[in-house]
């Protein structure tokens, strides 16, 4: 056992969970022939779930993620903070 202190961030776990959901939704959209980035942007801007396919339960998955949490996780990832 090392003497170093592990640093835990609640954001790390939440961001990981959000990433996993967004990746699954992205994959489902791509498999159905949609442009996943455009569809996800449309959903994020409008919060209209019809931008997301029901294929592979993608619509239900994305609705589990609060839009504010999604935007915060994306910004943290983009800025590497």
PDB file of N, CA and C in Angstrom:
ATOM      1  N   UNK A   1       0.850  -1.180   0.000  1.00  0.00           N
ATOM      2  CA  UNK A   1       0.000   0.000   0.000  1.00  0.00           C
ATOM      3  C   UNK A   1       0.892   1.239   0.000  1.00  0.00           C
ATOM      4  N   UNK A   2       0.648   2.153  -0.920  1.00  0.00           N
ATOM      5  CA  UNK A   2       1.474   3.350  -1.008  1.00  0.00           C
ATOM      6  C   UNK A   2       0.966   4.417  -0.041  1.00  0.00           C
ATOM      7  N   UNK A   3       1.825   5.378   0.255  1.00  0.00           N
ATOM      8  CA  UNK A   3       1.467   6.434   1.183  1.00  0.00           C
ATOM      9  C   UNK A   3       0.777   7.614   0.512  1.00  0.00           C
ATOM     10  N   UNK A   4       0.553   7.537  -0.794  1.00  0.00           N
ATOM     11  CA  UNK A   4      -0.064   8.652  -1.504  1.00  0.00           C
ATOM     12  C   UNK A   4      -1.576   8.662  -1.299  1.00  0.00           C
ATOM     13  N   UNK A   5      -2.116   9.833  -1.275  1.00  0.00           N
ATOM     14  CA  UNK A   5      -3.558   9.992  -1.119  1.00  0.00           C
ATOM     15  C   UNK A   5      -4.217   9.991  -2.492  1.00  0.00           C
ATOM     16  N   UNK A   6      -5.223   9.161  -2.644  1.00  0.00           N
ATOM     17  CA  UNK A   6      -5.978   9.123  -3.896  1.00  0.00           C
ATOM     18  C   UNK A   6      -6.988  10.265  -3.880  1.00  0.00           C
ATOM     19  N   UNK A   7      -7.094  10.942  -4.990  1.00  0.00           N
ATOM     20  CA  UNK A   7      -8.051  12.041  -5.110  1.00  0.00           C
ATOM     21  C   UNK A   7      -9.251  11.529  -5.892  1.00  0.00           C
ATOM     22  N   UNK A   8     -10.432  11.709  -5.311  1.00  0.00           N
ATOM     23  CA  UNK A   8     -11.657  11.256  -5.932  1.00  0.00           C
ATOM     24  C   UNK A   8     -12.525  12.455  -6.233  1.00  0.00           C
ATOM     25  N   UNK A   9     -13.079  12.463  -7.412  1.00  0.00           N
ATOM     26  CA  UNK A   9     -13.989  13.540  -7.790  1.00  0.00           C
ATOM     27  C   UNK A   9     -15.332  12.930  -8.162  1.00  0.00           C
ATOM     28  N   UNK A  10     -16.394  13.473  -7.611  1.00  0.00           N
ATOM     29  CA  UNK A  10     -17.738  13.020  -7.958  1.00  0.00           C
ATOM     30  C   UNK A  10     -17.990  13.228  -9.445  1.00  0.00           C
ATOM     31  N   UNK A  11     -17.348  14.255 -10.016  1.00  0.00           N
ATOM     32  CA  UNK A  11     -17.524  14.531 -11.441  1.00  0.00           C
ATOM     33  C   UNK A  11     -16.934  13.416 -12.297  1.00  0.00           C
ATOM     34  N   UNK A  12     -15.845  12.816 -11.845  1.00  0.00           N
ATOM     35  CA  UNK A  12     -15.210  11.754 -12.623  1.00  0.00           C
ATOM     36  C   UNK A  12     -16.177  10.608 -12.884  1.00  0.00           C
ATOM     37  N   UNK A  13     -16.842  10.151 -11.846  1.00  0.00           N
ATOM     38  CA  UNK A  13     -17.784   9.032 -11.988  1.00  0.00           C
ATOM     39  C   UNK A  13     -18.981   9.439 -12.833  1.00  0.00           C
ATOM     40  N   UNK A  14     -19.537  10.596 -12.541  1.00  0.00           N
ATOM     41  CA  UNK A  14     -20.708  11.067 -13.276  1.00  0.00           C
ATOM     42  C   UNK A  14     -20.352  11.290 -14.748  1.00  0.00           C
ATOM     43  N   UNK A  15     -19.206  11.909 -15.005  1.00  0.00           N
ATOM     44  CA  UNK A  15     -18.774  12.144 -16.379  1.00  0.00           C
ATOM     45  C   UNK A  15     -18.570  10.836 -17.130  1.00  0.00           C
ATOM     46  N   UNK A  16     -18.033   9.837 -16.447  1.00  0.00           N
ATOM     47  CA  UNK A  16     -17.834   8.530 -17.070  1.00  0.00           C
ATOM     48  C   UNK A  16     -19.179   7.917 -17.450  1.00  0.00           C
ATOM     49  N   UNK A  17     -20.154   7.987 -16.540  1.00  0.00           N
ATOM     50  CA  UNK A  17     -21.487   7.443 -16.812  1.00  0.00           C
ATOM     51  C   UNK A  17     -22.143   8.177 -17.986  1.00  0.00           C
ATOM     52  N   UNK A  18     -22.006   9.491 -18.009  1.00  0.00           N
ATOM     53  CA  UNK A  18     -22.563  10.277 -19.112  1.00  0.00           C
ATOM     54  C   UNK A  18     -21.885   9.894 -20.416  1.00  0.00           C
ATOM     55  N   UNK A  19     -20.563   9.752 -20.378  1.00  0.00           N
ATOM     56  CA  UNK A  19     -19.820   9.362 -21.581  1.00  0.00           C
ATOM     57  C   UNK A  19     -20.324   8.030 -22.118  1.00  0.00           C
ATOM     58  N   UNK A  20     -20.516   7.069 -21.234  1.00  0.00           N
ATOM     59  CA  UNK A  20     -20.990   5.747 -21.654  1.00  0.00           C
ATOM     60  C   UNK A  20     -22.358   5.836 -22.319  1.00  0.00           C
ATOM     61  N   UNK A  21     -23.263   6.610 -21.758  1.00  0.00           N
ATOM     62  CA  UNK A  21     -24.605   6.764 -22.322  1.00  0.00           C
ATOM     63  C   UNK A  21     -24.533   7.458 -23.674  1.00  0.00           C
ATOM     64  N   UNK A  22     -23.795   8.560 -23.753  1.00  0.00           N
ATOM     65  CA  UNK A  22     -23.694   9.293 -25.016  1.00  0.00           C
ATOM     66  C   UNK A  22     -23.053   8.419 -26.090  1.00  0.00           C
ATOM     67  N   UNK A  23     -22.075   7.617 -25.718  1.00  0.00           N
ATOM     68  CA  UNK A  23     -21.441   6.716 -26.689  1.00  0.00           C
ATOM     69  C   UNK A  23     -22.433   5.690 -27.218  1.00  0.00           C
ATOM     70  N   UNK A  24     -23.251   5.133 -26.347  1.00  0.00           N
ATOM     71  CA  UNK A  24     -24.266   4.170 -26.779  1.00  0.00           C
ATOM     72  C   UNK A  24     -25.292   4.814 -27.699  1.00  0.00           C
ATOM     73  N   UNK A  25     -25.710   6.028 -27.360  1.00  0.00           N
ATOM     74  CA  UNK A  25     -26.672   6.751 -28.189  1.00  0.00           C
ATOM     75  C   UNK A  25     -26.045   7.087 -29.538  1.00  0.00           C
ATOM     76  N   UNK A  26     -24.805   7.553 -29.520  1.00  0.00           N
ATOM     77  CA  UNK A  26     -24.072   7.865 -30.753  1.00  0.00           C
ATOM     78  C   UNK A  26     -24.015   6.636 -31.659  1.00  0.00           C
ATOM     79  N   UNK A  27     -23.651   5.499 -31.080  1.00  0.00           N
ATOM     80  CA  UNK A  27     -23.542   4.265 -31.866  1.00  0.00           C
ATOM     81  C   UNK A  27     -24.882   3.855 -32.461  1.00  0.00           C
ATOM     82  N   UNK A  28     -25.955   3.974 -31.681  1.00  0.00           N
ATOM     83  CA  UNK A  28     -27.289   3.612 -32.173  1.00  0.00           C
ATOM     84  C   UNK A  28     -27.701   4.522 -33.328  1.00  0.00           C
ATOM     85  N   UNK A  29     -27.447   5.817 -33.188  1.00  0.00           N
ATOM     86  CA  UNK A  29     -27.784   6.763 -34.263  1.00  0.00           C
ATOM     87  C   UNK A  29     -26.992   6.444 -35.533  1.00  0.00           C
ATOM     88  N   UNK A  30     -25.726   6.165 -35.360  1.00  0.00           N
ATOM     89  CA  UNK A  30     -24.867   5.852 -36.509  1.00  0.00           C
ATOM     90  C   UNK A  30     -25.344   4.574 -37.204  1.00  0.00           C
ATOM     91  N   UNK A  31     -25.670   3.558 -36.418  1.00  0.00           N
ATOM     92  CA  UNK A  31     -26.151   2.295 -36.985  1.00  0.00           C
ATOM     93  C   UNK A  31     -27.432   2.476 -37.783  1.00  0.00           C
ATOM     94  N   UNK A  32     -28.268   3.410 -37.369  1.00  0.00           N
ATOM     95  CA  UNK A  32     -29.523   3.660 -38.080  1.00  0.00           C
ATOM     96  C   UNK A  32     -29.354   4.602 -39.267  1.00  0.00           C
ATOM     97  N   UNK A  33     -28.129   5.091 -39.485  1.00  0.00           N
ATOM     98  CA  UNK A  33     -27.863   5.920 -40.654  1.00  0.00           C
ATOM     99  C   UNK A  33     -28.009   7.414 -40.439  1.00  0.00           C
ATOM    100  N   UNK A  34     -28.181   7.826 -39.213  1.00  0.00           N
ATOM    101  CA  UNK A  34     -28.281   9.254 -38.904  1.00  0.00           C
ATOM    102  C   UNK A  34     -26.887   9.854 -38.738  1.00  0.00           C
ATOM    103  N   UNK A  35     -26.804  11.184 -38.799  1.00  0.00           N
ATOM    104  CA  UNK A  35     -25.587  11.892 -38.445  1.00  0.00           C
ATOM    105  C   UNK A  35     -25.650  12.095 -36.928  1.00  0.00           C
ATOM    106  N   UNK A  36     -24.916  11.310 -36.166  1.00  0.00           N
ATOM    107  CA  UNK A  36     -25.057  11.343 -34.704  1.00  0.00           C
ATOM    108  C   UNK A  36     -24.774  12.702 -34.078  1.00  0.00           C
ATOM    109  N   UNK A  37     -23.783  13.400 -34.587  1.00  0.00           N
ATOM    110  CA  UNK A  37     -23.442  14.707 -34.007  1.00  0.00           C
ATOM    111  C   UNK A  37     -24.603  15.681 -34.205  1.00  0.00           C
ATOM    112  N   UNK A  38     -25.144  15.743 -35.414  1.00  0.00           N
ATOM    113  CA  UNK A  38     -26.264  16.653 -35.675  1.00  0.00           C
ATOM    114  C   UNK A  38     -27.476  16.304 -34.818  1.00  0.00           C
ATOM    115  N   UNK A  39     -27.762  15.023 -34.690  1.00  0.00           N
ATOM    116  CA  UNK A  39     -28.917  14.596 -33.907  1.00  0.00           C
ATOM    117  C   UNK A  39     -28.727  14.924 -32.428  1.00  0.00           C
ATOM    118  N   UNK A  40     -27.533  14.684 -31.907  1.00  0.00           N
ATOM    119  CA  UNK A  40     -27.272  14.987 -30.498  1.00  0.00           C
ATOM    120  C   UNK A  40     -27.309  16.486 -30.233  1.00  0.00           C
ATOM    121  N   UNK A  41     -26.783  17.281 -31.144  1.00  0.00           N
ATOM    122  CA  UNK A  41     -26.843  18.741 -30.988  1.00  0.00           C
ATOM    123  C   UNK A  41     -28.300  19.202 -30.989  1.00  0.00           C
ATOM    124  N   UNK A  42     -29.083  18.668 -31.905  1.00  0.00           N
ATOM    125  CA  UNK A  42     -30.511  19.015 -31.941  1.00  0.00           C
ATOM    126  C   UNK A  42     -31.198  18.682 -30.632  1.00  0.00           C
ATOM    127  N   UNK A  43     -30.887  17.515 -30.086  1.00  0.00           N
ATOM    128  CA  UNK A  43     -31.473  17.123 -28.799  1.00  0.00           C
ATOM    129  C   UNK A  43     -31.013  18.047 -27.681  1.00  0.00           C
ATOM    130  N   UNK A  44     -29.732  18.330 -27.626  1.00  0.00           N
ATOM    131  CA  UNK A  44     -29.201  19.174 -26.552  1.00  0.00           C
ATOM    132  C   UNK A  44     -29.799  20.570 -26.598  1.00  0.00           C
ATOM    133  N   UNK A  45     -29.917  21.130 -27.793  1.00  0.00           N
ATOM    134  CA  UNK A  45     -30.452  22.490 -27.913  1.00  0.00           C
ATOM    135  C   UNK A  45     -31.942  22.566 -27.603  1.00  0.00           C
ATOM    136  N   UNK A  46     -32.690  21.562 -28.007  1.00  0.00           N
ATOM    137  CA  UNK A  46     -34.146  21.621 -27.874  1.00  0.00           C
ATOM    138  C   UNK A  46     -34.702  20.769 -26.734  1.00  0.00           C
ATOM    139  N   UNK A  47     -33.936  19.776 -26.309  1.00  0.00           N
ATOM    140  CA  UNK A  47     -34.375  18.758 -25.365  1.00  0.00           C
ATOM    141  C   UNK A  47     -35.585  17.992 -25.905  1.00  0.00           C
ATOM    142  N   UNK A  48     -35.721  17.968 -27.215  1.00  0.00           N
ATOM    143  CA  UNK A  48     -36.779  17.210 -27.893  1.00  0.00           C
ATOM    144  C   UNK A  48     -36.272  15.793 -28.127  1.00  0.00           C
ATOM    145  N   UNK A  49     -36.846  14.803 -27.448  1.00  0.00           N
ATOM    146  CA  UNK A  49     -36.333  13.437 -27.552  1.00  0.00           C
ATOM    147  C   UNK A  49     -36.497  12.803 -28.932  1.00  0.00           C
ATOM    148  N   UNK A  50     -37.322  13.397 -29.788  1.00  0.00           N
ATOM    149  CA  UNK A  50     -37.515  12.800 -31.113  1.00  0.00           C
ATOM    150  C   UNK A  50     -36.278  12.932 -31.995  1.00  0.00           C
ATOM    151  N   UNK A  51     -35.293  13.707 -31.577  1.00  0.00           N
ATOM    152  CA  UNK A  51     -34.018  13.755 -32.298  1.00  0.00           C
ATOM    153  C   UNK A  51     -33.242  12.449 -32.135  1.00  0.00           C
ATOM    154  N   UNK A  52     -33.608  11.660 -31.124  1.00  0.00           N
ATOM    155  CA  UNK A  52     -32.880  10.444 -30.798  1.00  0.00           C
ATOM    156  C   UNK A  52     -33.743   9.234 -31.140  1.00  0.00           C
ATOM    157  N   UNK A  53     -33.153   8.276 -31.824  1.00  0.00           N
ATOM    158  CA  UNK A  53     -33.859   7.060 -32.204  1.00  0.00           C
ATOM    159  C   UNK A  53     -34.230   6.220 -30.980  1.00  0.00           C
ATOM    160  N   UNK A  54     -35.268   5.423 -31.136  1.00  0.00           N
ATOM    161  CA  UNK A  54     -35.625   4.479 -30.081  1.00  0.00           C
ATOM    162  C   UNK A  54     -34.838   3.177 -30.224  1.00  0.00           C
ATOM    163  N   UNK A  55     -34.109   3.049 -31.328  1.00  0.00           N
ATOM    164  CA  UNK A  55     -33.303   1.862 -31.587  1.00  0.00           C
ATOM    165  C   UNK A  55     -32.305   1.647 -30.448  1.00  0.00           C
ATOM    166  N   UNK A  56     -32.219   0.419 -29.975  1.00  0.00           N
ATOM    167  CA  UNK A  56     -31.336   0.046 -28.866  1.00  0.00           C
ATOM    168  C   UNK A  56     -31.591   0.871 -27.600  1.00  0.00           C
ATOM    169  N   UNK A  57     -32.843   1.323 -27.457  1.00  0.00           N
ATOM    170  CA  UNK A  57     -33.260   2.059 -26.262  1.00  0.00           C
ATOM    171  C   UNK A  57     -32.517   3.388 -26.086  1.00  0.00           C
ATOM    172  N   UNK A  58     -32.002   3.940 -27.193  1.00  0.00           N
ATOM    173  CA  UNK A  58     -31.183   5.150 -27.127  1.00  0.00           C
ATOM    174  C   UNK A  58     -31.949   6.344 -26.559  1.00  0.00           C
ATOM    175  N   UNK A  59     -33.204   6.487 -26.945  1.00  0.00           N
ATOM    176  CA  UNK A  59     -33.979   7.637 -26.462  1.00  0.00           C
ATOM    177  C   UNK A  59     -34.171   7.570 -24.951  1.00  0.00           C
ATOM    178  N   UNK A  60     -34.487   6.410 -24.442  1.00  0.00           N
ATOM    179  CA  UNK A  60     -34.666   6.259 -22.993  1.00  0.00           C
ATOM    180  C   UNK A  60     -33.347   6.490 -22.258  1.00  0.00           C
ATOM    181  N   UNK A  61     -32.247   6.037 -22.850  1.00  0.00           N
ATOM    182  CA  UNK A  61     -30.936   6.233 -22.223  1.00  0.00           C
ATOM    183  C   UNK A  61     -30.585   7.712 -22.105  1.00  0.00           C
ATOM    184  N   UNK A  62     -30.721   8.452 -23.205  1.00  0.00           N
ATOM    185  CA  UNK A  62     -30.305   9.868 -23.189  1.00  0.00           C
ATOM    186  C   UNK A  62     -31.185  10.689 -22.250  1.00  0.00           C
ATOM    187  N   UNK A  63     -32.423  10.267 -22.069  1.00  0.00           N
ATOM    188  CA  UNK A  63     -33.323  11.011 -21.180  1.00  0.00           C
ATOM    189  C   UNK A  63     -32.978  10.799 -19.708  1.00  0.00           C
ATOM    190  N   UNK A  64     -32.136   9.825 -19.405  1.00  0.00           N
ATOM    191  CA  UNK A  64     -31.668   9.612 -18.027  1.00  0.00           C
ATOM    192  C   UNK A  64     -30.648  10.665 -17.617  1.00  0.00           C
ATOM    193  N   UNK A  65     -30.069  11.349 -18.605  1.00  0.00           N
ATOM    194  CA  UNK A  65     -29.009  12.323 -18.345  1.00  0.00           C
ATOM    195  C   UNK A  65     -29.605  13.728 -18.340  1.00  0.00           C
ATOM    196  N   UNK A  66     -29.405  14.436 -17.240  1.00  0.00           N
ATOM    197  CA  UNK A  66     -29.841  15.825 -17.161  1.00  0.00           C
ATOM    198  C   UNK A  66     -29.048  16.649 -18.172  1.00  0.00           C
ATOM    199  N   UNK A  67     -29.739  17.490 -18.913  1.00  0.00           N
ATOM    200  CA  UNK A  67     -29.080  18.272 -19.961  1.00  0.00           C
ATOM    201  C   UNK A  67     -27.971  19.166 -19.407  1.00  0.00           C
ATOM    202  N   UNK A  68     -28.170  19.771 -18.258  1.00  0.00           N
ATOM    203  CA  UNK A  68     -27.118  20.598 -17.653  1.00  0.00           C
ATOM    204  C   UNK A  68     -25.889  19.760 -17.314  1.00  0.00           C
ATOM    205  N   UNK A  69     -26.121  18.561 -16.765  1.00  0.00           N
ATOM    206  CA  UNK A  69     -25.005  17.667 -16.453  1.00  0.00           C
ATOM    207  C   UNK A  69     -24.264  17.259 -17.717  1.00  0.00           C
ATOM    208  N   UNK A  70     -25.022  17.008 -18.783  1.00  0.00           N
ATOM    209  CA  UNK A  70     -24.424  16.633 -20.061  1.00  0.00           C
ATOM    210  C   UNK A  70     -23.534  17.759 -20.596  1.00  0.00           C
ATOM    211  N   UNK A  71     -24.037  18.973 -20.577  1.00  0.00           N
ATOM    212  CA  UNK A  71     -23.257  20.109 -21.069  1.00  0.00           C
ATOM    213  C   UNK A  71     -22.018  20.353 -20.206  1.00  0.00           C
ATOM    214  N   UNK A  72     -22.153  20.227 -18.893  1.00  0.00           N
ATOM    215  CA  UNK A  72     -21.001  20.411 -18.012  1.00  0.00           C
ATOM    216  C   UNK A  72     -19.933  19.353 -18.278  1.00  0.00           C
ATOM    217  N   UNK A  73     -20.356  18.099 -18.425  1.00  0.00           N
ATOM    218  CA  UNK A  73     -19.405  17.018 -18.701  1.00  0.00           C
ATOM    219  C   UNK A  73     -18.708  17.238 -20.034  1.00  0.00           C
ATOM    220  N   UNK A  74     -19.457  17.679 -21.035  1.00  0.00           N
ATOM    221  CA  UNK A  74     -18.862  17.932 -22.350  1.00  0.00           C
ATOM    222  C   UNK A  74     -17.841  19.066 -22.270  1.00  0.00           C
ATOM    223  N   UNK A  75     -18.169  20.114 -21.539  1.00  0.00           N
ATOM    224  CA  UNK A  75     -17.261  21.252 -21.417  1.00  0.00           C
ATOM    225  C   UNK A  75     -16.003  20.866 -20.639  1.00  0.00           C
ATOM    226  N   UNK A  76     -16.175  20.103 -19.554  1.00  0.00           N
ATOM    227  CA  UNK A  76     -14.998  19.637 -18.801  1.00  0.00           C
ATOM    228  C   UNK A  76     -14.104  18.785 -19.687  1.00  0.00           C
ATOM    229  N   UNK A  77     -14.704  17.928 -20.484  1.00  0.00           N
ATOM    230  CA  UNK A  77     -13.934  17.062 -21.388  1.00  0.00           C
ATOM    231  C   UNK A  77     -13.223  17.894 -22.456  1.00  0.00           C
ATOM    232  N   UNK A  78     -13.931  18.838 -23.034  1.00  0.00           N
ATOM    233  CA  UNK A  78     -13.367  19.683 -24.085  1.00  0.00           C
ATOM    234  C   UNK A  78     -12.190  20.506 -23.577  1.00  0.00           C
ATOM    235  N   UNK A  79     -12.329  21.015 -22.351  1.00  0.00           N
ATOM    236  CA  UNK A  79     -11.282  21.861 -21.765  1.00  0.00           C
ATOM    237  C   UNK A  79     -10.234  21.065 -21.000  1.00  0.00           C
ATOM    238  N   UNK A  80     -10.432  19.759 -20.878  1.00  0.00           N
ATOM    239  CA  UNK A  80      -9.530  18.886 -20.131  1.00  0.00           C
ATOM    240  C   UNK A  80      -9.355  19.337 -18.689  1.00  0.00           C
ATOM    241  N   UNK A  81     -10.474  19.670 -18.048  1.00  0.00           N
ATOM    242  CA  UNK A  81     -10.434  20.075 -16.630  1.00  0.00           C
ATOM    243  C   UNK A  81     -11.248  19.131 -15.786  1.00  0.00           C
TER     244      UNK A  81
END
